[in-house]
Every structure is written in structure tokens, then in C-alpha cells.
């Protein structure tokens, strides 16, 4: 088993990144977070934001979502929960359903692996894209 990551010091930059990320539920990309953070820390660099996001994710302060071959997205909600991604526009939302802990137990029983957890991503078409589809069909 991997050793737990050392506790990460909450620098001013990390505090601002965490605060800005916590304000939104859109699961922004690193560049979107950079745009939000830059309003408060105009001199911060994109590389600094990327590095801090990676460190914060490694230390469990935030979640890094690597969904469906799209850009990495980040989430300030670190408790276990599922996501749904629009197959058309790539938007990611939280899916408010209970986490199936029995799935982890079943995987542990069915495998010789030490199961650390699971991630499930649902895909669909978001309401905005459904509306666009309806408008396209009407033309």
C-alpha cells in the first residue's frame, strides 16, 4: 500500500485556488481555474496553478477528474460521489445518487487486488444540448 501523501501546507496561492474552486459546481479545467484565480492574484502563472492543482489533488484536498479523454477537471467536493458528463459538450455535473459501497466489496471478493475505491462516470446529453438537438430537428 502506498504511504499517505505528506500534509500540504496551505499557501496563499493554494488557499485562493481552493476558495475559487469551492465557489463553483462546474468542475472547471485548470485553465478555467487559472482565469478565476488571476482576478485575485494577477501575477500568478498558469504553470503555478497547474502544479498546485496537481499537488492539492495528490494530497486529497480536491478531486482531479480525468473523464472520457477530455481535459482534466477539478472538484472541491472530495467526498465519494458520482459524475455525469455530456457526450456532446463535455459539461460535467455531480450525480446525486448514493455511492454503491457494495460494488467495492464485490470487486474485492472477485479479485486478488487490494481495492482502493471506484469511480463511475455516467454519460448522457445535458438539458442544454437536448434543447439544441430539438431546435436542429425542427429546422
N, C-alpha and C. Protein backbone atom coordinates (compact mmCIF):
# COMPACT_ATOMS: atom_id res chain seq x y z
N UNK A 1 0.85 -1.19 0.00
CA UNK A 1 0.00 0.00 0.00
C UNK A 1 0.89 1.24 0.00
N UNK A 2 0.46 2.26 -0.73
CA UNK A 2 1.23 3.50 -0.80
C UNK A 2 1.15 4.23 0.53
N UNK A 3 2.23 4.90 0.88
CA UNK A 3 2.23 5.73 2.09
C UNK A 3 1.36 6.95 1.82
N UNK A 4 0.65 7.45 2.83
CA UNK A 4 -0.16 8.63 2.60
C UNK A 4 0.71 9.81 2.20
N UNK A 5 0.14 10.67 1.38
CA UNK A 5 0.88 11.86 0.94
C UNK A 5 1.12 12.76 2.14
N UNK A 6 2.30 13.40 2.20
CA UNK A 6 2.56 14.31 3.32
C UNK A 6 1.57 15.47 3.30
N UNK A 7 1.24 15.98 4.46
CA UNK A 7 0.30 17.10 4.55
C UNK A 7 0.85 18.30 3.78
N UNK A 8 0.01 18.89 2.96
CA UNK A 8 0.41 20.00 2.12
C UNK A 8 0.11 21.32 2.84
N UNK A 9 1.09 22.18 2.90
CA UNK A 9 0.91 23.50 3.52
C UNK A 9 -0.04 24.33 2.68
N UNK A 10 -0.96 25.02 3.33
CA UNK A 10 -1.95 25.82 2.62
C UNK A 10 -1.39 27.22 2.41
N UNK A 11 -0.66 27.40 1.31
CA UNK A 11 -0.10 28.71 0.97
C UNK A 11 -1.23 29.65 0.54
N UNK A 12 -0.92 30.91 0.40
CA UNK A 12 -1.91 31.89 -0.07
C UNK A 12 -2.44 31.48 -1.43
N UNK A 13 -1.54 31.05 -2.33
CA UNK A 13 -1.98 30.63 -3.67
C UNK A 13 -2.94 29.45 -3.59
N UNK A 14 -2.60 28.45 -2.79
CA UNK A 14 -3.47 27.27 -2.66
C UNK A 14 -4.80 27.64 -2.02
N UNK A 15 -4.76 28.55 -1.05
CA UNK A 15 -5.99 28.99 -0.39
C UNK A 15 -6.92 29.66 -1.41
N UNK A 16 -6.37 30.53 -2.24
CA UNK A 16 -7.18 31.22 -3.25
C UNK A 16 -7.72 30.22 -4.27
N UNK A 17 -6.89 29.28 -4.71
CA UNK A 17 -7.34 28.25 -5.66
C UNK A 17 -8.49 27.46 -5.06
N UNK A 18 -8.35 27.04 -3.81
CA UNK A 18 -9.39 26.27 -3.13
C UNK A 18 -10.67 27.08 -2.97
N UNK A 19 -10.54 28.34 -2.59
CA UNK A 19 -11.71 29.21 -2.43
C UNK A 19 -12.44 29.39 -3.75
N UNK A 20 -11.70 29.66 -4.82
CA UNK A 20 -12.32 29.87 -6.12
C UNK A 20 -12.98 28.59 -6.63
N UNK A 21 -12.30 27.46 -6.46
CA UNK A 21 -12.85 26.18 -6.89
C UNK A 21 -14.11 25.84 -6.10
N UNK A 22 -14.13 26.18 -4.82
CA UNK A 22 -15.28 25.90 -3.96
C UNK A 22 -16.50 26.72 -4.32
N UNK A 23 -16.32 27.82 -5.01
CA UNK A 23 -17.43 28.71 -5.38
C UNK A 23 -18.27 28.15 -6.53
N UNK A 24 -17.71 27.20 -7.28
CA UNK A 24 -18.39 26.72 -8.48
C UNK A 24 -18.66 25.23 -8.41
N UNK A 25 -19.68 24.79 -9.12
CA UNK A 25 -20.02 23.37 -9.21
C UNK A 25 -19.85 22.87 -10.65
N UNK A 26 -19.07 23.60 -11.43
CA UNK A 26 -18.95 23.30 -12.86
C UNK A 26 -17.80 22.36 -13.19
N UNK A 27 -17.02 21.96 -12.19
CA UNK A 27 -15.87 21.08 -12.41
C UNK A 27 -14.95 21.68 -13.47
N UNK A 28 -14.39 22.86 -13.19
CA UNK A 28 -13.60 23.59 -14.19
C UNK A 28 -12.27 22.91 -14.52
N UNK A 29 -11.76 23.26 -15.70
CA UNK A 29 -10.43 22.82 -16.12
C UNK A 29 -9.39 23.71 -15.42
N UNK A 30 -8.14 23.32 -15.51
CA UNK A 30 -7.06 24.11 -14.90
C UNK A 30 -7.03 25.52 -15.48
N UNK A 31 -7.22 25.65 -16.78
CA UNK A 31 -7.17 27.00 -17.38
C UNK A 31 -8.36 27.84 -16.94
N UNK A 32 -9.51 27.22 -16.71
CA UNK A 32 -10.66 27.98 -16.20
C UNK A 32 -10.40 28.43 -14.76
N UNK A 33 -9.78 27.56 -13.96
CA UNK A 33 -9.43 27.93 -12.59
C UNK A 33 -8.40 29.04 -12.60
N UNK A 34 -7.44 28.95 -13.50
CA UNK A 34 -6.43 30.00 -13.66
C UNK A 34 -7.09 31.35 -13.92
N UNK A 35 -8.08 31.37 -14.81
CA UNK A 35 -8.79 32.63 -15.11
C UNK A 35 -9.50 33.17 -13.88
N UNK A 36 -10.06 32.28 -13.05
CA UNK A 36 -10.76 32.72 -11.84
C UNK A 36 -9.76 33.25 -10.80
N UNK A 37 -8.67 32.53 -10.62
CA UNK A 37 -7.67 32.88 -9.61
C UNK A 37 -6.95 34.17 -9.97
N UNK A 38 -6.71 34.37 -11.25
CA UNK A 38 -5.97 35.56 -11.72
C UNK A 38 -6.67 36.86 -11.36
N UNK A 39 -7.98 36.82 -11.18
CA UNK A 39 -8.70 38.04 -10.78
C UNK A 39 -8.28 38.48 -9.39
N UNK A 40 -7.87 37.52 -8.56
CA UNK A 40 -7.44 37.83 -7.19
C UNK A 40 -5.93 37.88 -7.06
N UNK A 41 -5.23 37.10 -7.86
CA UNK A 41 -3.77 37.06 -7.85
C UNK A 41 -3.27 37.30 -9.28
N UNK A 42 -3.26 38.56 -9.71
CA UNK A 42 -2.98 38.86 -11.12
C UNK A 42 -1.61 38.38 -11.61
N UNK A 43 -0.65 38.20 -10.72
CA UNK A 43 0.70 37.84 -11.16
C UNK A 43 0.95 36.33 -11.16
N UNK A 44 -0.04 35.54 -10.79
CA UNK A 44 0.14 34.09 -10.73
C UNK A 44 0.26 33.53 -12.16
N UNK A 45 1.10 32.54 -12.33
CA UNK A 45 1.29 31.94 -13.64
C UNK A 45 0.44 30.69 -13.82
N UNK A 46 0.16 30.36 -15.07
CA UNK A 46 -0.62 29.17 -15.39
C UNK A 46 0.07 27.91 -14.86
N UNK A 47 1.39 27.84 -15.01
CA UNK A 47 2.15 26.69 -14.53
C UNK A 47 2.02 26.52 -13.02
N UNK A 48 2.01 27.62 -12.30
CA UNK A 48 1.86 27.59 -10.85
C UNK A 48 0.50 27.02 -10.47
N UNK A 49 -0.54 27.44 -11.19
CA UNK A 49 -1.88 26.92 -10.92
C UNK A 49 -1.92 25.43 -11.21
N UNK A 50 -1.38 25.00 -12.34
CA UNK A 50 -1.34 23.57 -12.69
C UNK A 50 -0.62 22.77 -11.61
N UNK A 51 0.55 23.20 -11.22
CA UNK A 51 1.33 22.47 -10.20
C UNK A 51 0.58 22.37 -8.88
N UNK A 52 -0.01 23.48 -8.46
CA UNK A 52 -0.76 23.47 -7.20
C UNK A 52 -1.99 22.59 -7.27
N UNK A 53 -2.69 22.59 -8.39
CA UNK A 53 -3.85 21.72 -8.54
C UNK A 53 -3.44 20.25 -8.44
N UNK A 54 -2.34 19.89 -9.09
CA UNK A 54 -1.86 18.50 -9.05
C UNK A 54 -1.48 18.12 -7.61
N UNK A 55 -0.74 18.99 -6.93
CA UNK A 55 -0.34 18.72 -5.54
C UNK A 55 -1.55 18.62 -4.62
N UNK A 56 -2.51 19.51 -4.80
CA UNK A 56 -3.70 19.50 -3.97
C UNK A 56 -4.52 18.23 -4.21
N UNK A 57 -4.57 17.77 -5.45
CA UNK A 57 -5.29 16.53 -5.76
C UNK A 57 -4.56 15.33 -5.15
N UNK A 58 -3.24 15.30 -5.27
CA UNK A 58 -2.45 14.20 -4.70
C UNK A 58 -2.62 14.11 -3.19
N UNK A 59 -2.84 15.25 -2.55
CA UNK A 59 -2.98 15.30 -1.10
C UNK A 59 -4.44 15.22 -0.63
N UNK A 60 -5.36 15.01 -1.56
CA UNK A 60 -6.76 14.81 -1.19
C UNK A 60 -7.52 16.07 -0.83
N UNK A 61 -6.93 17.24 -1.10
CA UNK A 61 -7.63 18.50 -0.80
C UNK A 61 -8.74 18.77 -1.81
N UNK A 62 -8.54 18.30 -3.04
CA UNK A 62 -9.51 18.45 -4.11
C UNK A 62 -9.53 17.14 -4.90
N UNK A 63 -10.49 16.99 -5.79
CA UNK A 63 -10.53 15.84 -6.68
C UNK A 63 -10.07 16.26 -8.07
N UNK A 64 -9.32 15.37 -8.71
CA UNK A 64 -8.96 15.56 -10.12
C UNK A 64 -9.79 14.55 -10.90
N UNK A 65 -10.58 15.04 -11.84
CA UNK A 65 -11.43 14.18 -12.65
C UNK A 65 -10.79 14.02 -14.02
N UNK A 66 -10.48 12.80 -14.36
CA UNK A 66 -9.95 12.52 -15.69
C UNK A 66 -11.03 11.73 -16.40
N UNK A 67 -11.90 12.45 -17.08
CA UNK A 67 -13.10 11.85 -17.63
C UNK A 67 -13.05 11.75 -19.15
N UNK A 68 -13.39 10.59 -19.62
CA UNK A 68 -13.65 10.36 -21.04
C UNK A 68 -12.72 11.00 -22.03
N UNK A 69 -11.41 11.00 -21.77
CA UNK A 69 -10.47 11.53 -22.75
C UNK A 69 -10.53 13.03 -22.93
N UNK A 70 -11.21 13.72 -22.01
CA UNK A 70 -11.28 15.18 -22.11
C UNK A 70 -10.24 15.78 -21.18
N UNK A 71 -10.19 17.10 -21.15
CA UNK A 71 -9.26 17.80 -20.25
C UNK A 71 -9.55 17.41 -18.81
N UNK A 72 -8.52 17.40 -17.99
CA UNK A 72 -8.71 17.16 -16.56
C UNK A 72 -9.58 18.27 -16.01
N UNK A 73 -10.46 17.88 -15.11
CA UNK A 73 -11.30 18.84 -14.43
C UNK A 73 -11.10 18.67 -12.93
N UNK A 74 -11.47 19.68 -12.16
CA UNK A 74 -11.22 19.65 -10.73
C UNK A 74 -12.50 19.93 -9.96
N UNK A 75 -12.56 19.37 -8.76
CA UNK A 75 -13.77 19.41 -7.94
C UNK A 75 -13.36 19.65 -6.49
N UNK A 76 -13.97 20.64 -5.84
CA UNK A 76 -13.67 20.91 -4.44
C UNK A 76 -14.38 19.94 -3.51
N UNK A 77 -15.39 19.24 -4.01
CA UNK A 77 -16.12 18.25 -3.20
C UNK A 77 -15.34 16.95 -3.22
N UNK A 78 -14.78 16.58 -2.07
CA UNK A 78 -13.89 15.42 -2.03
C UNK A 78 -14.55 14.15 -1.50
N UNK A 79 -15.79 14.26 -1.00
CA UNK A 79 -16.44 13.04 -0.55
C UNK A 79 -16.81 12.20 -1.77
N UNK A 80 -17.01 10.89 -1.54
CA UNK A 80 -17.32 10.00 -2.66
C UNK A 80 -18.65 10.39 -3.30
N UNK A 81 -18.61 10.63 -4.58
CA UNK A 81 -19.83 10.91 -5.34
C UNK A 81 -19.56 10.64 -6.81
N UNK A 82 -20.62 10.51 -7.57
CA UNK A 82 -20.51 10.18 -8.99
C UNK A 82 -20.72 11.43 -9.85
N UNK A 83 -20.27 11.31 -11.09
CA UNK A 83 -20.38 12.41 -12.05
C UNK A 83 -21.09 11.94 -13.30
N UNK A 84 -21.68 12.89 -13.99
CA UNK A 84 -22.28 12.64 -15.29
C UNK A 84 -21.73 13.67 -16.26
N UNK A 85 -21.31 13.19 -17.45
CA UNK A 85 -20.68 14.04 -18.46
C UNK A 85 -21.53 14.07 -19.71
N UNK A 86 -21.73 15.26 -20.26
CA UNK A 86 -22.46 15.40 -21.52
C UNK A 86 -21.56 14.92 -22.66
N UNK A 87 -22.06 13.97 -23.42
CA UNK A 87 -21.30 13.42 -24.53
C UNK A 87 -21.17 14.41 -25.68
N UNK A 88 -21.97 15.44 -25.65
CA UNK A 88 -21.94 16.43 -26.73
C UNK A 88 -21.04 17.62 -26.42
N UNK A 89 -21.22 18.26 -25.25
CA UNK A 89 -20.46 19.49 -24.94
C UNK A 89 -19.35 19.27 -23.91
N UNK A 90 -19.36 18.12 -23.22
CA UNK A 90 -18.32 17.82 -22.24
C UNK A 90 -18.57 18.34 -20.84
N UNK A 91 -19.70 19.01 -20.62
CA UNK A 91 -20.05 19.53 -19.30
C UNK A 91 -20.10 18.36 -18.31
N UNK A 92 -19.63 18.60 -17.08
CA UNK A 92 -19.63 17.58 -16.03
C UNK A 92 -20.43 18.10 -14.84
N UNK A 93 -21.34 17.26 -14.35
CA UNK A 93 -22.14 17.60 -13.17
C UNK A 93 -22.02 16.50 -12.14
N UNK A 94 -22.31 16.85 -10.88
CA UNK A 94 -22.43 15.84 -9.83
C UNK A 94 -23.73 15.09 -10.07
N UNK A 95 -23.73 13.80 -9.76
CA UNK A 95 -24.93 12.99 -9.86
C UNK A 95 -25.34 12.63 -8.43
N UNK A 96 -26.47 13.12 -8.03
CA UNK A 96 -26.92 12.99 -6.65
C UNK A 96 -27.60 11.65 -6.43
N UNK A 97 -26.81 10.58 -6.41
CA UNK A 97 -27.30 9.25 -6.06
C UNK A 97 -26.34 8.65 -5.04
N UNK A 98 -26.81 7.70 -4.23
CA UNK A 98 -25.92 7.12 -3.23
C UNK A 98 -24.74 6.38 -3.89
N UNK A 99 -23.59 6.42 -3.23
CA UNK A 99 -22.41 5.69 -3.68
C UNK A 99 -22.62 4.22 -3.32
N UNK A 100 -22.35 3.34 -4.27
CA UNK A 100 -22.57 1.91 -4.07
C UNK A 100 -21.33 1.27 -3.48
N UNK A 101 -21.22 1.34 -2.16
CA UNK A 101 -20.06 0.76 -1.48
C UNK A 101 -20.00 -0.75 -1.64
N UNK A 102 -21.15 -1.39 -1.85
CA UNK A 102 -21.14 -2.84 -2.05
C UNK A 102 -20.39 -3.20 -3.33
N UNK A 103 -20.32 -2.29 -4.27
CA UNK A 103 -19.57 -2.54 -5.50
C UNK A 103 -18.08 -2.74 -5.20
N UNK A 104 -17.54 -1.95 -4.31
CA UNK A 104 -16.15 -2.09 -3.90
C UNK A 104 -15.93 -3.44 -3.22
N UNK A 105 -16.87 -3.81 -2.36
CA UNK A 105 -16.77 -5.11 -1.67
C UNK A 105 -16.83 -6.26 -2.67
N UNK A 106 -17.75 -6.18 -3.65
CA UNK A 106 -17.86 -7.23 -4.66
C UNK A 106 -16.58 -7.32 -5.50
N UNK A 107 -16.00 -6.18 -5.84
CA UNK A 107 -14.76 -6.18 -6.62
C UNK A 107 -13.64 -6.81 -5.81
N UNK A 108 -13.61 -6.54 -4.53
CA UNK A 108 -12.59 -7.11 -3.65
C UNK A 108 -12.72 -8.63 -3.58
N UNK A 109 -13.94 -9.11 -3.51
CA UNK A 109 -14.20 -10.55 -3.46
C UNK A 109 -13.86 -11.22 -4.79
N UNK A 110 -14.13 -10.54 -5.90
CA UNK A 110 -13.95 -11.11 -7.23
C UNK A 110 -12.51 -10.99 -7.74
N UNK A 111 -11.64 -10.30 -7.00
CA UNK A 111 -10.29 -10.02 -7.49
C UNK A 111 -9.28 -10.23 -6.37
N UNK A 112 -8.05 -10.47 -6.78
CA UNK A 112 -6.97 -10.56 -5.78
C UNK A 112 -6.36 -9.18 -5.52
N UNK A 113 -6.87 -8.15 -6.19
CA UNK A 113 -6.40 -6.79 -5.98
C UNK A 113 -6.83 -6.27 -4.61
N UNK A 114 -6.05 -5.36 -4.07
CA UNK A 114 -6.49 -4.60 -2.91
C UNK A 114 -7.25 -3.40 -3.48
N UNK A 115 -8.54 -3.38 -3.31
CA UNK A 115 -9.37 -2.34 -3.90
C UNK A 115 -9.26 -1.07 -3.06
N UNK A 116 -8.93 0.03 -3.70
CA UNK A 116 -8.80 1.32 -3.03
C UNK A 116 -10.06 2.16 -3.15
N UNK A 117 -10.87 1.87 -4.14
CA UNK A 117 -12.08 2.64 -4.37
C UNK A 117 -12.54 2.45 -5.80
N UNK A 118 -13.56 3.18 -6.19
CA UNK A 118 -14.03 3.11 -7.57
C UNK A 118 -14.55 4.48 -8.01
N UNK A 119 -14.52 4.66 -9.31
CA UNK A 119 -15.03 5.88 -9.92
C UNK A 119 -15.96 5.47 -11.04
N UNK A 120 -17.16 6.00 -11.03
CA UNK A 120 -18.11 5.71 -12.09
C UNK A 120 -18.48 7.04 -12.73
N UNK A 121 -18.41 7.05 -14.04
CA UNK A 121 -18.83 8.24 -14.79
C UNK A 121 -19.98 7.84 -15.69
N UNK A 122 -21.08 8.54 -15.55
CA UNK A 122 -22.21 8.33 -16.43
C UNK A 122 -22.09 9.31 -17.59
N UNK A 123 -22.60 8.94 -18.74
CA UNK A 123 -22.62 9.86 -19.88
C UNK A 123 -24.06 10.02 -20.34
N UNK A 124 -24.35 11.16 -20.91
CA UNK A 124 -25.67 11.46 -21.42
C UNK A 124 -25.62 12.74 -22.20
N UNK A 125 -26.77 13.30 -22.46
CA UNK A 125 -26.88 14.59 -23.15
C UNK A 125 -27.51 15.56 -22.17
N UNK A 126 -26.79 16.65 -21.87
CA UNK A 126 -27.28 17.63 -20.89
C UNK A 126 -28.53 18.35 -21.43
N UNK A 127 -29.31 18.97 -20.54
CA UNK A 127 -30.53 19.66 -20.98
C UNK A 127 -30.28 20.73 -22.05
N UNK A 128 -29.16 21.46 -21.94
CA UNK A 128 -28.88 22.50 -22.94
C UNK A 128 -28.65 21.89 -24.32
N UNK A 129 -27.90 20.80 -24.36
CA UNK A 129 -27.65 20.13 -25.65
C UNK A 129 -28.90 19.44 -26.19
N UNK A 130 -29.75 18.95 -25.29
CA UNK A 130 -31.03 18.36 -25.74
C UNK A 130 -31.86 19.43 -26.44
N UNK A 131 -31.85 20.63 -25.88
CA UNK A 131 -32.61 21.75 -26.47
C UNK A 131 -32.05 22.09 -27.85
N UNK A 132 -30.72 22.10 -27.97
CA UNK A 132 -30.08 22.38 -29.27
C UNK A 132 -30.48 21.31 -30.28
N UNK A 133 -30.47 20.04 -29.84
CA UNK A 133 -30.87 18.94 -30.73
C UNK A 133 -32.30 19.12 -31.21
N UNK A 134 -33.20 19.47 -30.28
CA UNK A 134 -34.61 19.68 -30.64
C UNK A 134 -34.73 20.80 -31.66
N UNK A 135 -33.99 21.89 -31.45
CA UNK A 135 -34.02 23.02 -32.38
C UNK A 135 -33.50 22.61 -33.75
N UNK A 136 -32.45 21.77 -33.78
CA UNK A 136 -31.89 21.32 -35.06
C UNK A 136 -32.87 20.44 -35.82
N UNK A 137 -33.62 19.60 -35.09
CA UNK A 137 -34.59 18.72 -35.74
C UNK A 137 -35.75 19.51 -36.33
N UNK A 138 -36.09 20.64 -35.69
CA UNK A 138 -37.21 21.44 -36.16
C UNK A 138 -36.88 22.23 -37.42
N UNK A 139 -35.60 22.41 -37.70
CA UNK A 139 -35.21 23.23 -38.88
C UNK A 139 -35.43 22.49 -40.16
